[in-house]
Amino acid sequence: MTTPPKPPLRFKRRYALALLAGVSLLAAYGLNLHWKGLLPRGEGFVLWKRFFYAALRPALDYEGQNVPAGAPPFLLVVLKSTFRTLEFAAASMGLALIGGMGLGVLSSHSFWDSGLGLGRTNRKLRNRLRLMFRTLAAMLRSVHELLWAILFLAAIGQNSTAALLALTLPFTGILAKLFSEMLDEAASAPSAALEGLGCHPGMALLVGRLPIAWPDMAAYGFYRFECALRSSAVLGFFGFQTIGYHLELSYNSLYYREVWTLLYALLLMVWLSERWSGILRRSATQ
């Protein structure tokens, strides 16, 4: 019995990974990278040791001696900033999911090939419209949320709307790209069979194709929510009252125990989000 040949896709992936590794080595050589650059020197080693030693003793109260009278307890500040971080992440992802789903459908081959909108005529016009929506999604995700934050801070000032838009726009573009590809890669036979039975193309797409792609869409949506948690924390460095705001204050004051308390709060929030998404995905597949 002869051994069946290996799939060509696996063969291509192997060489693509080898090429990527080679390009990475060339880039490291061009940037003059060396492992010794990772080692702290002199005062840097003292700072490094002090910072990581503080991880073993996170602060339960303010480290500083000059705490203003009437200041809320430190753990209450951590709790409020954690909740604020969660608020920004949830609000931005809620809007991004709506926008990403709509823009993703309009960017997909499945929508325009199903006969919706323009029917199955005007192929060139359909391709141009699809390209226009795909370009819009690419423009949204090509600008990082931190750059969006700088733009909106200058345009509308430091308020919740600026932070919300800075997170929502790039996440909308990212979700639109992934959702459109997942929808196009879903099996088309069920929707084609429904259309053959006289079902409306829109209903065939909604009932026959979207449920197949939905589990992957939901899984990626949960992952992006974890990214939104981290991004909303980073927005604190721009003055928004999230975990990042208090992280910057504590770090600049060299209060590393406070820093680690805030980092542990962020880690706990991301871990709980991951556990929650895992429970929902398992219940959906049962």
Protein backbone atom coordinates (compact mmCIF):
# COMPACT_ATOMS: atom_id res chain seq x y z
CA MET A 1 0.00 0.00 0.00
CA THR A 2 1.40 3.35 -1.04
CA THR A 3 1.49 6.23 1.40
CA PRO A 4 -0.88 9.02 0.38
CA PRO A 5 0.82 12.32 -0.39
CA LYS A 6 0.68 15.05 2.20
CA PRO A 7 -1.80 17.85 1.64
CA PRO A 8 -0.24 20.71 -0.32
CA LEU A 9 -1.58 23.25 2.19
CA ARG A 10 0.53 21.72 4.98
CA PHE A 11 3.54 21.80 2.67
CA LYS A 12 3.00 25.50 1.97
CA ARG A 13 2.53 26.33 5.64
CA ARG A 14 5.83 24.68 6.53
CA TYR A 15 7.77 26.80 4.07
CA ALA A 16 5.79 29.92 4.96
CA LEU A 17 6.79 29.47 8.60
CA ALA A 18 10.41 28.89 7.59
CA LEU A 19 10.33 32.06 5.50
CA LEU A 20 8.81 34.00 8.39
CA ALA A 21 11.51 32.73 10.75
CA GLY A 22 14.21 33.74 8.27
CA VAL A 23 12.76 37.23 7.88
CA SER A 24 12.61 37.57 11.69
CA LEU A 25 16.28 36.68 12.02
CA LEU A 26 17.22 39.15 9.30
CA ALA A 27 15.18 41.85 11.03
CA ALA A 28 16.89 41.09 14.36
CA TYR A 29 20.28 41.33 12.67
CA GLY A 30 19.35 44.60 10.98
CA LEU A 31 18.20 46.09 14.29
CA ASN A 32 21.41 44.90 15.98
CA LEU A 33 19.48 43.00 18.64
CA HIS A 34 21.35 40.97 21.25
CA TRP A 35 20.21 39.03 24.29
CA LYS A 36 22.56 41.05 26.50
CA GLY A 37 20.36 44.06 25.86
CA LEU A 38 17.70 42.40 28.03
CA LEU A 39 19.92 42.40 31.10
CA PRO A 40 19.59 45.37 33.49
CA ARG A 41 22.78 47.19 34.41
CA GLY A 42 23.85 49.24 37.45
CA GLU A 43 20.93 51.18 38.93
CA GLY A 44 18.63 49.47 36.46
CA PHE A 45 19.20 46.15 38.22
CA VAL A 46 18.31 47.73 41.58
CA LEU A 47 15.13 49.17 40.10
CA TRP A 48 14.30 45.85 38.43
CA LYS A 49 14.76 43.96 41.71
CA ARG A 50 12.68 46.47 43.67
CA PHE A 51 9.86 46.40 41.14
CA PHE A 52 9.50 42.62 40.98
CA TYR A 53 10.01 42.19 44.71
CA ALA A 54 6.98 44.46 45.21
CA ALA A 55 4.89 41.84 43.36
CA LEU A 56 5.18 39.64 46.46
CA ARG A 57 3.74 42.38 48.69
CA PRO A 58 0.95 44.21 46.85
CA ALA A 59 -0.35 47.29 48.64
CA LEU A 60 -3.61 47.23 50.58
CA ASP A 61 -3.31 50.92 51.44
CA TYR A 62 -1.51 54.00 50.13
CA GLU A 63 2.25 53.74 50.17
CA GLY A 64 2.77 57.48 50.38
CA GLN A 65 2.76 59.35 53.68
CA ASN A 66 1.17 62.55 52.40
CA VAL A 67 -2.33 61.25 51.70
CA PRO A 68 -4.87 64.11 51.44
CA ALA A 69 -7.47 64.26 54.18
CA GLY A 70 -10.73 62.64 53.19
CA ALA A 71 -9.16 60.56 50.42
CA PRO A 72 -11.06 57.32 49.77
CA PRO A 73 -9.40 54.05 50.80
CA PHE A 74 -6.89 52.73 48.28
CA LEU A 75 -8.76 49.48 47.66
CA LEU A 76 -11.93 51.48 46.95
CA VAL A 77 -9.99 53.49 44.36
CA VAL A 78 -8.81 50.22 42.78
CA LEU A 79 -12.38 48.90 42.72
CA LYS A 80 -13.81 52.06 41.15
CA SER A 81 -11.09 52.27 38.50
CA THR A 82 -11.58 48.58 37.69
CA PHE A 83 -15.30 49.13 37.22
CA ARG A 84 -14.61 52.19 35.07
CA THR A 85 -12.28 50.13 32.90
CA LEU A 86 -14.98 47.49 32.52
CA GLU A 87 -17.54 50.16 31.58
CA PHE A 88 -15.42 51.53 28.74
CA ALA A 89 -14.63 48.02 27.45
CA ALA A 90 -18.25 46.82 27.55
CA ALA A 91 -19.67 49.97 25.95
CA SER A 92 -17.09 50.09 23.16
CA MET A 93 -17.41 46.38 22.38
CA GLY A 94 -21.21 46.60 22.33
CA LEU A 95 -21.03 49.32 19.67
CA ALA A 96 -18.18 47.58 17.82
CA LEU A 97 -20.12 44.32 17.62
CA ILE A 98 -23.09 46.08 16.06
CA GLY A 99 -20.97 48.07 13.64
CA GLY A 100 -18.62 45.17 12.92
CA MET A 101 -21.46 42.79 12.14
CA GLY A 102 -23.15 45.25 9.78
CA LEU A 103 -19.93 46.30 8.07
CA GLY A 104 -18.73 42.69 7.97
CA VAL A 105 -21.88 41.51 6.18
CA LEU A 106 -21.60 44.37 3.67
CA SER A 107 -17.92 43.50 3.11
CA SER A 108 -18.56 39.82 2.42
CA HIS A 109 -18.95 38.01 -0.88
CA SER A 110 -21.82 36.06 0.66
CA PHE A 111 -24.05 39.12 0.99
CA TRP A 112 -23.57 40.46 -2.52
CA ASP A 113 -23.58 37.03 -4.20
CA SER A 114 -26.84 36.09 -2.47
CA GLY A 115 -28.86 38.46 -4.64
CA LEU A 116 -29.67 40.95 -1.88
CA GLY A 117 -29.81 44.65 -2.60
CA LEU A 118 -28.84 44.84 -6.27
CA GLY A 119 -29.92 41.33 -7.16
CA ARG A 120 -27.57 39.14 -9.14
CA THR A 121 -27.10 41.70 -11.90
CA ASN A 122 -24.62 44.59 -11.98
CA ARG A 123 -21.67 42.43 -10.97
CA LYS A 124 -19.16 45.24 -11.39
CA LEU A 125 -21.22 47.59 -9.23
CA ARG A 126 -21.57 44.92 -6.55
CA ASN A 127 -17.82 44.35 -6.50
CA ARG A 128 -17.17 48.08 -6.23
CA LEU A 129 -19.58 48.46 -3.32
CA ARG A 130 -18.05 45.48 -1.52
CA LEU A 131 -14.58 46.92 -2.07
CA MET A 132 -15.75 50.27 -0.71
CA PHE A 133 -17.00 48.69 2.53
CA ARG A 134 -13.84 46.58 2.87
CA THR A 135 -11.73 49.71 2.39
CA LEU A 136 -13.72 51.50 5.10
CA ALA A 137 -13.10 48.60 7.50
CA ALA A 138 -9.37 48.66 6.64
CA MET A 139 -9.17 52.40 7.29
CA LEU A 140 -10.82 52.01 10.71
CA ARG A 141 -8.50 49.25 11.89
CA SER A 142 -5.32 50.68 10.37
CA VAL A 143 -5.26 53.46 13.01
CA HIS A 144 -4.44 52.21 16.52
CA GLU A 145 -6.82 53.07 19.36
CA LEU A 146 -4.13 55.21 21.02
CA LEU A 147 -3.84 57.36 17.89
CA TRP A 148 -7.63 57.61 17.74
CA ALA A 149 -7.54 58.73 21.38
CA ILE A 150 -5.04 61.51 20.61
CA LEU A 151 -7.20 62.66 17.69
CA PHE A 152 -10.45 62.73 19.65
CA LEU A 153 -8.81 64.34 22.67
CA ALA A 154 -7.72 67.21 20.45
CA ALA A 155 -11.07 67.36 18.64
CA ILE A 156 -13.69 67.03 21.39
CA GLY A 157 -11.73 67.16 24.63
CA GLN A 158 -11.20 64.73 27.47
CA ASN A 159 -14.58 63.09 27.98
CA SER A 160 -16.13 59.65 27.87
CA THR A 161 -17.22 60.08 24.25
CA ALA A 162 -13.61 60.52 23.13
CA ALA A 163 -12.52 57.35 24.94
CA LEU A 164 -15.50 55.39 23.63
CA LEU A 165 -14.91 56.39 20.02
CA ALA A 166 -11.17 55.69 20.28
CA LEU A 167 -11.93 52.08 21.24
CA THR A 168 -15.00 51.50 19.09
CA LEU A 169 -13.66 52.56 15.69
CA PRO A 170 -10.62 50.24 15.38
CA PHE A 171 -12.48 47.32 16.95
CA THR A 172 -15.31 47.82 14.44
CA GLY A 173 -12.84 47.56 11.56
CA ILE A 174 -11.16 44.47 13.03
CA LEU A 175 -14.45 42.69 13.70
CA ALA A 176 -15.77 43.59 10.24
CA LYS A 177 -12.77 41.96 8.56
CA LEU A 178 -12.96 38.77 10.60
CA PHE A 179 -16.75 38.49 10.46
CA SER A 180 -16.82 38.90 6.68
CA GLU A 181 -14.16 36.20 6.23
CA MET A 182 -15.90 33.82 8.63
CA LEU A 183 -19.19 34.33 6.81
CA ASP A 184 -17.57 33.69 3.42
CA GLU A 185 -15.79 30.57 4.68
CA ALA A 186 -18.98 29.05 6.11
CA ALA A 187 -20.57 26.23 4.11
CA SER A 188 -22.87 27.59 1.41
CA ALA A 189 -24.81 24.38 0.74
CA PRO A 190 -27.54 24.95 3.39
CA SER A 191 -28.35 28.48 2.19
CA ALA A 192 -28.30 27.35 -1.45
CA ALA A 193 -30.70 24.52 -0.60
CA LEU A 194 -33.05 26.95 1.14
CA GLU A 195 -33.00 29.26 -1.87
CA GLY A 196 -33.74 26.28 -4.08
CA LEU A 197 -36.88 25.65 -2.02
CA GLY A 198 -38.03 29.22 -2.64
CA CYS A 199 -36.66 30.90 0.49
CA HIS A 200 -35.81 34.60 0.26
CA PRO A 201 -32.04 35.12 -0.24
CA GLY A 202 -31.78 37.25 2.89
CA MET A 203 -33.54 34.66 5.02
CA ALA A 204 -31.44 31.89 3.46
CA LEU A 205 -28.27 33.79 4.39
CA LEU A 206 -29.56 34.48 7.90
CA VAL A 207 -30.80 30.95 8.62
CA GLY A 208 -28.58 28.78 6.44
CA ARG A 209 -25.17 30.41 6.63
CA LEU A 210 -24.90 32.73 9.61
CA PRO A 211 -25.51 29.99 12.26
CA ILE A 212 -22.56 28.04 10.85
CA ALA A 213 -20.21 31.00 11.24
CA TRP A 214 -21.71 32.22 14.52
CA PRO A 215 -19.66 30.06 16.98
CA ASP A 216 -16.37 31.36 15.51
CA MET A 217 -17.73 34.91 15.51
CA ALA A 218 -18.74 34.65 19.16
CA ALA A 219 -15.39 33.17 20.19
CA TYR A 220 -13.49 35.96 18.47
CA GLY A 221 -15.85 38.57 19.90
CA PHE A 222 -15.03 37.38 23.43
CA TYR A 223 -11.32 37.56 22.66
CA ARG A 224 -11.70 41.14 21.42
CA PHE A 225 -13.51 41.99 24.66
CA GLU A 226 -10.40 40.93 26.58
CA CYS A 227 -8.37 43.18 24.27
CA ALA A 228 -10.84 46.00 24.98
CA LEU A 229 -10.23 45.59 28.71
CA ARG A 230 -6.51 46.07 28.24
CA SER A 231 -6.97 48.94 25.80
CA SER A 232 -9.39 50.77 28.09
CA ALA A 233 -6.84 50.40 30.90
CA VAL A 234 -4.15 51.95 28.68
CA LEU A 235 -6.46 54.91 27.99
CA GLY A 236 -5.85 55.87 31.61
CA PHE A 237 -2.44 57.19 30.53
CA PHE A 238 -4.37 59.89 28.63
CA GLY A 239 -6.18 61.02 31.78
CA PHE A 240 -9.29 58.83 31.74
CA GLN A 241 -10.16 57.43 35.17
CA THR A 242 -9.37 53.79 34.42
CA ILE A 243 -6.80 51.48 35.99
CA GLY A 244 -4.12 52.94 33.74
CA TYR A 245 -4.59 56.40 35.22
CA HIS A 246 -3.76 55.20 38.73
CA LEU A 247 -1.04 52.93 37.39
CA GLU A 248 0.75 55.91 35.91
CA LEU A 249 0.43 57.94 39.10
CA SER A 250 1.74 55.10 41.28
CA TYR A 251 4.58 54.23 38.91
CA ASN A 252 5.76 57.83 38.57
CA SER A 253 5.76 58.08 42.37
CA LEU A 254 7.78 54.82 42.58
CA TYR A 255 4.99 53.17 44.58
CA TYR A 256 5.52 49.74 43.07
CA ARG A 257 3.36 47.89 45.58
CA GLU A 258 0.40 50.02 44.48
CA VAL A 259 1.32 49.27 40.87
CA TRP A 260 1.14 45.54 41.48
CA THR A 261 -2.21 45.81 43.27
CA LEU A 262 -3.61 47.54 40.19
CA LEU A 263 -1.98 45.02 37.86
CA TYR A 264 -3.45 42.13 39.84
CA ALA A 265 -6.88 43.78 39.62
CA LEU A 266 -6.53 44.00 35.84
CA LEU A 267 -5.29 40.41 35.66
CA LEU A 268 -8.22 39.21 37.73
CA MET A 269 -10.68 41.07 35.51
CA VAL A 270 -9.22 39.56 32.32
CA TRP A 271 -9.17 36.07 33.90
CA LEU A 272 -12.81 36.33 34.98
CA SER A 273 -13.73 37.50 31.48
CA GLU A 274 -11.95 34.50 29.98
CA ARG A 275 -13.68 32.10 32.36
CA TRP A 276 -17.07 33.66 31.66
CA SER A 277 -16.59 33.44 27.89
CA GLY A 278 -15.48 29.81 28.22
CA ILE A 279 -18.63 28.91 30.15
CA LEU A 280 -20.84 30.61 27.57
CA ARG A 281 -19.08 28.87 24.66
CA ARG A 282 -19.40 25.46 26.29
CA SER A 283 -23.09 25.98 27.06
CA ALA A 284 -23.69 27.05 23.46
CA THR A 285 -22.16 23.85 22.06
CA GLN A 286 -24.05 21.49 24.38
